[in-house]
Amino acid sequence: MTHPALLSIVIPNWNGARFLPVCLDALARQTYTPLEIIVVDNASQDGSQQLVQTQYPAVRLIELPENRGFTGACNAGMQAARGAFVALLNNDTEADPGWAAAVVEAFNRQPEIGIVASKMLLFEQRDRIHTAGDYFTVDGRAGNRGVWQADAGQFDREEYVFSACGGSSVYRRAMLDKIGLLDDDFFFSLEDIDLAWRAQLTGWRCLYTPRAVVYHHLSATGGGVTASYYDGRNLIFVLVKNVPAALWRKYGGRILRAQFRLAWEALRAWRGAAARARLRGMLAGLRGMPRMWRKRRAVQAMRTVSAADIERILSAPGVQ
């Protein structure tokens, strides 16, 4: 008799005690029960550790000695996870009771699937979309499909997408064993896109399934200046590491023009703290290019699909 596969759920936490009860209580209501729940705490100062230990004794708590960012916390949890499937779930989310069952069923149905993306809706506006899977465009931009749109059934079809948002992404352990975990150099932001690039380059697919629903407090534990800095830096990291040479030759001009537009928009909004942070991030991205170039060699060496196969997965430049 085949036993149901274990789903490990890794929740990175930094001073999120006010969100954890909703998140953990929702996981206790899942209809799929072979679950391992791991909270990885980034040296919180708000009593998060005590809350988990006293109120959720069945939850495994990993306490890090300092804040290692989203990537550091997630990697610590993923390394400790024992499941055949490993989910990353933001601490400021509430998973629908059928969420775990939906993602495991998708994996079991399609063996070529390495990543499952959920339908994420806004916590306070549950008819409004945060993301229905993530896209990546030929001119080098990443984004959430359907962001801010009313949920009117336009994303009710299961389909392949480029990536899953790291706030509710689920990975096949067999894939992670081959392509690696999150890149710790990213710290926060676009680490999910970077991992999806490695997945796509090695022939794994990402499936968006609308039956896996998660509600999210948007930017509750990150955003503003911090997000702008890491968005600016890490997009350059993604482009240097992952885009195959053939696609750079074909779309390099569009990619560079898109980066110049982002820089120009930030310069025009210079008085805004977020705009200045974006520019600082882009400069940091340029400074980090030699390190990413060294990583690029390993990433491109593992590629098993053609550049044309990757091109078919990318979205048109005008996608929002």
Protein backbone atom coordinates (compact mmCIF):
# COMPACT_ATOMS: atom_id res chain seq x y z
CA MET A 1 0.00 0.00 0.00
CA THR A 2 1.35 3.43 -1.00
CA HIS A 3 1.28 6.01 1.75
CA PRO A 4 0.50 9.68 0.97
CA ALA A 5 3.62 11.78 0.46
CA LEU A 6 4.75 14.11 3.22
CA LEU A 7 4.44 17.83 2.48
CA SER A 8 6.91 19.97 4.42
CA ILE A 9 5.84 23.59 4.91
CA VAL A 10 8.63 26.06 5.71
CA ILE A 11 7.55 29.39 7.20
CA PRO A 12 10.29 32.04 7.46
CA ASN A 13 9.58 34.43 10.31
CA TRP A 14 11.00 37.74 11.47
CA ASN A 15 8.99 39.57 14.14
CA GLY A 16 5.76 38.12 12.80
CA ALA A 17 4.12 37.02 16.05
CA ARG A 18 0.96 38.96 15.16
CA PHE A 19 0.53 36.90 11.97
CA LEU A 20 1.65 33.44 13.02
CA PRO A 21 -1.56 32.27 14.77
CA VAL A 22 -3.69 32.83 11.67
CA CYS A 23 -1.07 31.14 9.47
CA LEU A 24 -0.56 28.12 11.72
CA ASP A 25 -4.24 27.68 12.59
CA ALA A 26 -5.06 27.57 8.86
CA LEU A 27 -2.49 24.79 8.37
CA ALA A 28 -4.12 22.83 11.22
CA ARG A 29 -7.36 22.89 9.19
CA GLN A 30 -5.87 21.37 6.02
CA THR A 31 -7.75 18.43 4.54
CA TYR A 32 -4.41 16.86 3.56
CA THR A 33 -2.82 15.68 6.78
CA PRO A 34 0.69 14.26 6.11
CA LEU A 35 2.19 17.68 6.92
CA GLU A 36 5.45 18.74 8.51
CA ILE A 37 5.36 22.40 9.60
CA ILE A 38 8.65 24.18 10.19
CA VAL A 39 8.93 27.77 11.42
CA VAL A 40 12.39 29.24 10.87
CA ASP A 41 12.90 32.30 13.02
CA ASN A 42 15.30 35.06 12.00
CA ALA A 43 16.24 36.17 15.54
CA SER A 44 12.87 37.83 16.22
CA GLN A 45 12.51 40.25 19.13
CA ASP A 46 8.71 40.07 19.46
CA GLY A 47 8.24 36.76 21.26
CA SER A 48 7.64 34.70 18.11
CA GLN A 49 9.76 31.83 19.40
CA GLN A 50 7.86 31.57 22.69
CA LEU A 51 4.52 31.74 20.88
CA VAL A 52 5.40 28.78 18.67
CA GLN A 53 6.87 26.74 21.52
CA THR A 54 3.95 27.23 23.89
CA GLN A 55 0.93 27.40 21.59
CA TYR A 56 2.04 25.16 18.71
CA PRO A 57 4.14 22.34 20.19
CA ALA A 58 3.65 20.15 17.09
CA VAL A 59 5.38 22.78 14.94
CA ARG A 60 9.11 22.39 14.49
CA LEU A 61 10.96 25.59 15.41
CA ILE A 62 14.40 26.41 14.04
CA GLU A 63 15.95 29.45 15.74
CA LEU A 64 18.65 31.25 13.76
CA PRO A 65 21.17 33.34 15.70
CA GLU A 66 20.79 36.35 13.39
CA ASN A 67 18.53 37.60 10.61
CA ARG A 68 19.60 35.66 7.53
CA GLY A 69 16.88 37.11 5.34
CA PHE A 70 14.17 35.31 3.47
CA THR A 71 16.65 33.12 1.59
CA GLY A 72 18.67 32.15 4.64
CA ALA A 73 15.61 31.20 6.67
CA CYS A 74 14.00 29.30 3.82
CA ASN A 75 17.18 27.39 3.03
CA ALA A 76 17.60 26.37 6.67
CA GLY A 77 14.05 25.05 6.67
CA MET A 78 14.38 23.33 3.30
CA GLN A 79 17.56 21.59 4.42
CA ALA A 80 15.78 20.32 7.53
CA ALA A 81 12.58 19.31 5.71
CA ARG A 82 11.85 15.62 5.26
CA GLY A 83 8.98 15.80 2.77
CA ALA A 84 8.83 14.68 -0.85
CA PHE A 85 7.40 18.16 -1.49
CA VAL A 86 8.58 21.35 0.20
CA ALA A 87 6.46 24.51 0.43
CA LEU A 88 7.59 28.03 1.27
CA LEU A 89 4.79 29.94 2.94
CA ASN A 90 4.89 33.52 4.17
CA ASN A 91 4.06 34.01 7.84
CA ASP A 92 1.40 36.59 6.89
CA THR A 93 -0.76 34.17 4.91
CA GLU A 94 -3.86 32.08 5.47
CA ALA A 95 -4.07 28.91 3.38
CA ASP A 96 -7.48 27.69 2.27
CA PRO A 97 -8.27 24.28 3.85
CA GLY A 98 -7.87 22.54 0.49
CA TRP A 99 -4.56 24.20 -0.41
CA ALA A 100 -2.18 21.38 0.57
CA ALA A 101 -4.36 18.73 -1.05
CA ALA A 102 -4.48 20.71 -4.30
CA VAL A 103 -0.71 21.14 -4.61
CA VAL A 104 0.10 17.51 -3.76
CA GLU A 105 -2.52 16.28 -6.23
CA ALA A 106 -0.95 18.43 -8.96
CA PHE A 107 2.49 16.97 -8.33
CA ASN A 108 1.16 13.41 -8.29
CA ARG A 109 -0.69 13.92 -11.57
CA GLN A 110 2.21 15.39 -13.54
CA PRO A 111 5.72 14.00 -12.88
CA GLU A 112 7.41 16.69 -15.00
CA ILE A 113 6.17 19.36 -12.60
CA GLY A 114 8.91 20.65 -10.30
CA ILE A 115 7.07 23.72 -8.96
CA VAL A 116 3.43 24.42 -8.15
CA ALA A 117 2.13 27.99 -7.99
CA SER A 118 -0.94 28.90 -5.93
CA LYS A 119 -3.64 31.47 -6.51
CA MET A 120 -2.78 34.19 -3.99
CA LEU A 121 -5.55 36.62 -3.06
CA LEU A 122 -5.35 39.69 -0.87
CA PHE A 123 -6.14 38.97 2.77
CA GLU A 124 -8.31 42.04 3.26
CA GLN A 125 -9.88 41.95 -0.24
CA ARG A 126 -10.49 38.31 -0.98
CA ASP A 127 -11.89 38.97 -4.42
CA ARG A 128 -8.64 40.70 -5.47
CA ILE A 129 -5.60 38.90 -6.91
CA HIS A 130 -2.05 39.19 -5.65
CA THR A 131 -0.65 36.62 -8.07
CA ALA A 132 -1.76 33.72 -10.22
CA GLY A 133 1.78 32.52 -10.79
CA ASP A 134 4.67 34.70 -11.92
CA TYR A 135 5.90 35.62 -15.39
CA PHE A 136 9.24 36.64 -16.88
CA THR A 137 9.37 38.73 -20.05
CA VAL A 138 11.75 38.65 -22.99
CA ASP A 139 12.94 42.14 -22.02
CA GLY A 140 14.00 40.90 -18.60
CA ARG A 141 11.20 41.81 -16.19
CA ALA A 142 9.52 39.63 -13.59
CA GLY A 143 6.03 40.10 -12.20
CA ASN A 144 2.86 38.69 -10.73
CA ARG A 145 0.16 37.56 -13.16
CA GLY A 146 -3.11 39.33 -12.51
CA VAL A 147 -1.81 41.57 -9.74
CA TRP A 148 -4.53 43.89 -8.33
CA GLN A 149 -7.17 42.49 -10.71
CA ALA A 150 -10.60 41.45 -9.47
CA ASP A 151 -10.84 37.66 -9.31
CA ALA A 152 -13.53 37.17 -11.95
CA GLY A 153 -12.58 33.69 -13.16
CA GLN A 154 -9.90 34.83 -15.63
CA PHE A 155 -7.30 32.70 -13.79
CA ASP A 156 -9.46 29.66 -13.06
CA ARG A 157 -7.68 27.48 -15.62
CA GLU A 158 -4.71 25.33 -14.65
CA GLU A 159 -1.73 26.22 -16.83
CA TYR A 160 2.04 26.37 -17.02
CA VAL A 161 3.66 29.59 -15.80
CA PHE A 162 7.27 30.67 -15.40
CA SER A 163 7.48 30.69 -11.60
CA ALA A 164 5.63 30.48 -8.33
CA CYS A 165 5.64 33.43 -5.93
CA GLY A 166 7.92 32.56 -3.00
CA GLY A 167 5.16 33.49 -0.58
CA SER A 168 3.34 30.25 -1.39
CA SER A 169 5.60 28.22 -3.68
CA VAL A 170 5.84 24.43 -3.52
CA TYR A 171 8.79 22.42 -4.84
CA ARG A 172 9.44 18.78 -5.61
CA ARG A 173 12.32 17.60 -3.43
CA ALA A 174 13.78 15.56 -6.30
CA MET A 175 14.11 18.79 -8.30
CA LEU A 176 15.74 20.71 -5.47
CA ASP A 177 18.25 17.91 -5.04
CA LYS A 178 19.32 18.46 -8.65
CA ILE A 179 19.23 22.24 -9.04
CA GLY A 180 19.92 23.48 -5.50
CA LEU A 181 18.04 25.70 -3.07
CA LEU A 182 17.62 29.48 -3.02
CA ASP A 183 20.65 31.64 -3.75
CA ASP A 184 21.67 33.20 -0.42
CA ASP A 185 23.24 36.15 -2.24
CA PHE A 186 19.70 37.35 -3.02
CA PHE A 187 18.73 37.63 0.69
CA PHE A 188 15.24 38.92 -0.18
CA SER A 189 13.27 39.39 -3.44
CA LEU A 190 13.37 37.53 -6.78
CA GLU A 191 14.99 34.47 -5.19
CA ASP A 192 11.92 32.54 -6.35
CA ILE A 193 12.39 33.71 -9.95
CA ASP A 194 16.08 32.78 -9.80
CA LEU A 195 15.23 29.26 -8.63
CA ALA A 196 12.56 28.98 -11.33
CA TRP A 197 15.15 29.87 -13.96
CA ARG A 198 17.28 26.92 -12.85
CA ALA A 199 14.20 24.71 -12.94
CA GLN A 200 13.20 25.82 -16.43
CA LEU A 201 16.77 25.51 -17.74
CA THR A 202 16.84 21.89 -16.62
CA GLY A 203 13.47 20.89 -18.05
CA TRP A 204 11.24 21.12 -14.96
CA ARG A 205 7.88 22.85 -15.39
CA CYS A 206 5.94 25.18 -13.10
CA LEU A 207 2.20 24.56 -12.90
CA TYR A 208 -0.29 27.13 -11.65
CA THR A 209 -3.31 25.47 -10.07
CA PRO A 210 -6.23 27.74 -9.15
CA ARG A 211 -7.60 25.27 -6.59
CA ALA A 212 -4.64 26.00 -4.32
CA VAL A 213 -5.75 29.27 -2.69
CA VAL A 214 -3.75 31.37 -0.22
CA TYR A 215 -4.71 34.76 1.25
CA HIS A 216 -1.86 37.21 1.79
CA HIS A 217 -1.31 40.40 3.78
CA LEU A 218 0.58 42.18 1.00
CA SER A 219 3.97 43.53 2.10
CA ALA A 220 3.22 42.98 5.76
CA THR A 221 6.76 41.85 6.55
CA GLY A 222 8.67 43.48 3.73
CA GLY A 223 8.23 46.24 1.19
CA GLY A 224 8.88 49.91 0.51
CA VAL A 225 12.52 50.95 0.55
CA THR A 226 13.78 47.46 1.36
CA ALA A 227 11.89 45.84 -1.49
CA SER A 228 12.94 48.57 -3.94
CA TYR A 229 16.63 48.09 -3.15
CA TYR A 230 16.58 44.31 -3.52
CA ASP A 231 14.30 44.42 -6.58
CA GLY A 232 16.79 46.70 -8.31
CA ARG A 233 19.82 44.65 -7.34
CA ASN A 234 18.45 41.15 -7.73
CA LEU A 235 16.89 41.62 -11.15
CA ILE A 236 20.40 42.32 -12.47
CA PHE A 237 21.62 39.22 -10.63
CA VAL A 238 18.88 37.12 -12.29
CA LEU A 239 19.70 38.42 -15.77
CA VAL A 240 23.44 37.88 -15.46
CA LYS A 241 23.14 34.39 -13.99
CA ASN A 242 20.35 32.82 -15.96
CA VAL A 243 19.54 34.20 -19.39
CA PRO A 244 21.16 31.94 -22.04
CA ALA A 245 23.65 33.56 -24.41
CA ALA A 246 21.37 32.99 -27.43
CA LEU A 247 18.59 34.96 -25.75
CA TRP A 248 21.01 37.72 -24.75
CA ARG A 249 22.00 38.01 -28.41
CA LYS A 250 18.37 38.18 -29.50
CA TYR A 251 16.88 40.30 -26.70
CA GLY A 252 19.88 42.00 -25.08
CA GLY A 253 18.94 45.38 -26.52
CA ARG A 254 15.42 45.15 -25.09
CA ILE A 255 16.75 43.99 -21.72
CA LEU A 256 19.20 46.88 -21.46
CA ARG A 257 16.60 49.42 -22.58
CA ALA A 258 14.21 48.12 -19.91
CA GLN A 259 16.92 48.55 -17.27
CA PHE A 260 17.66 52.09 -18.47
CA ARG A 261 13.94 52.90 -18.29
CA LEU A 262 13.81 51.66 -14.69
CA ALA A 263 16.85 53.77 -13.81
CA TRP A 264 15.42 56.84 -15.55
CA GLU A 265 12.08 56.47 -13.77
CA ALA A 266 13.92 56.23 -10.46
CA LEU A 267 15.98 59.33 -11.27
CA ARG A 268 12.84 61.29 -12.13
CA ALA A 269 11.36 60.28 -8.76
CA TRP A 270 14.63 60.98 -6.93
CA ARG A 271 12.93 62.69 -4.00
CA GLY A 272 11.19 59.43 -3.11
CA ALA A 273 13.06 57.12 -0.76
CA ALA A 274 11.97 54.04 -2.69
CA ALA A 275 13.28 55.47 -5.97
CA ARG A 276 16.67 56.22 -4.42
CA ALA A 277 16.74 52.72 -2.95
CA ARG A 278 16.04 51.24 -6.39
CA LEU A 279 19.00 53.12 -7.84
CA ARG A 280 21.26 52.02 -4.99
CA GLY A 281 20.14 48.47 -5.63
CA MET A 282 20.88 48.69 -9.34
CA LEU A 283 24.38 50.01 -8.59
CA ALA A 284 24.89 47.15 -6.15
CA GLY A 285 23.73 44.77 -8.86
CA LEU A 286 26.37 46.11 -11.24
CA ARG A 287 29.04 45.75 -8.56
CA GLY A 288 27.93 42.17 -7.95
CA MET A 289 28.10 41.15 -11.62
CA PRO A 290 31.51 39.41 -11.38
CA ARG A 291 30.21 37.15 -8.62
CA MET A 292 27.05 36.38 -10.61
CA TRP A 293 29.11 35.73 -13.73
CA ARG A 294 31.02 33.02 -11.87
CA LYS A 295 27.71 31.47 -10.81
CA ARG A 296 26.45 31.76 -14.38
CA ARG A 297 28.98 29.20 -15.56
CA ALA A 298 27.56 26.55 -13.25
CA VAL A 299 23.94 27.45 -14.06
CA GLN A 300 24.43 27.35 -17.83
CA ALA A 301 26.46 24.13 -17.57
CA MET A 302 23.44 22.35 -16.06
CA ARG A 303 21.07 23.47 -18.85
CA THR A 304 19.34 20.55 -20.60
CA VAL A 305 16.85 22.41 -22.82
CA SER A 306 17.36 24.68 -25.81
CA ALA A 307 17.21 28.46 -25.75
CA ALA A 308 14.15 28.16 -28.01
CA ASP A 309 12.41 26.07 -25.35
CA ILE A 310 13.09 28.79 -22.78
CA GLU A 311 11.96 31.52 -25.18
CA ARG A 312 8.55 29.84 -25.51
CA ILE A 313 8.03 30.12 -21.76
CA LEU A 314 8.83 33.84 -21.61
CA SER A 315 6.11 36.46 -21.88
CA ALA A 316 5.74 39.40 -24.24
CA PRO A 317 7.32 42.72 -23.15
CA GLY A 318 3.97 44.41 -22.53
CA VAL A 319 2.80 41.94 -19.88
CA GLN A 320 1.88 43.59 -16.58
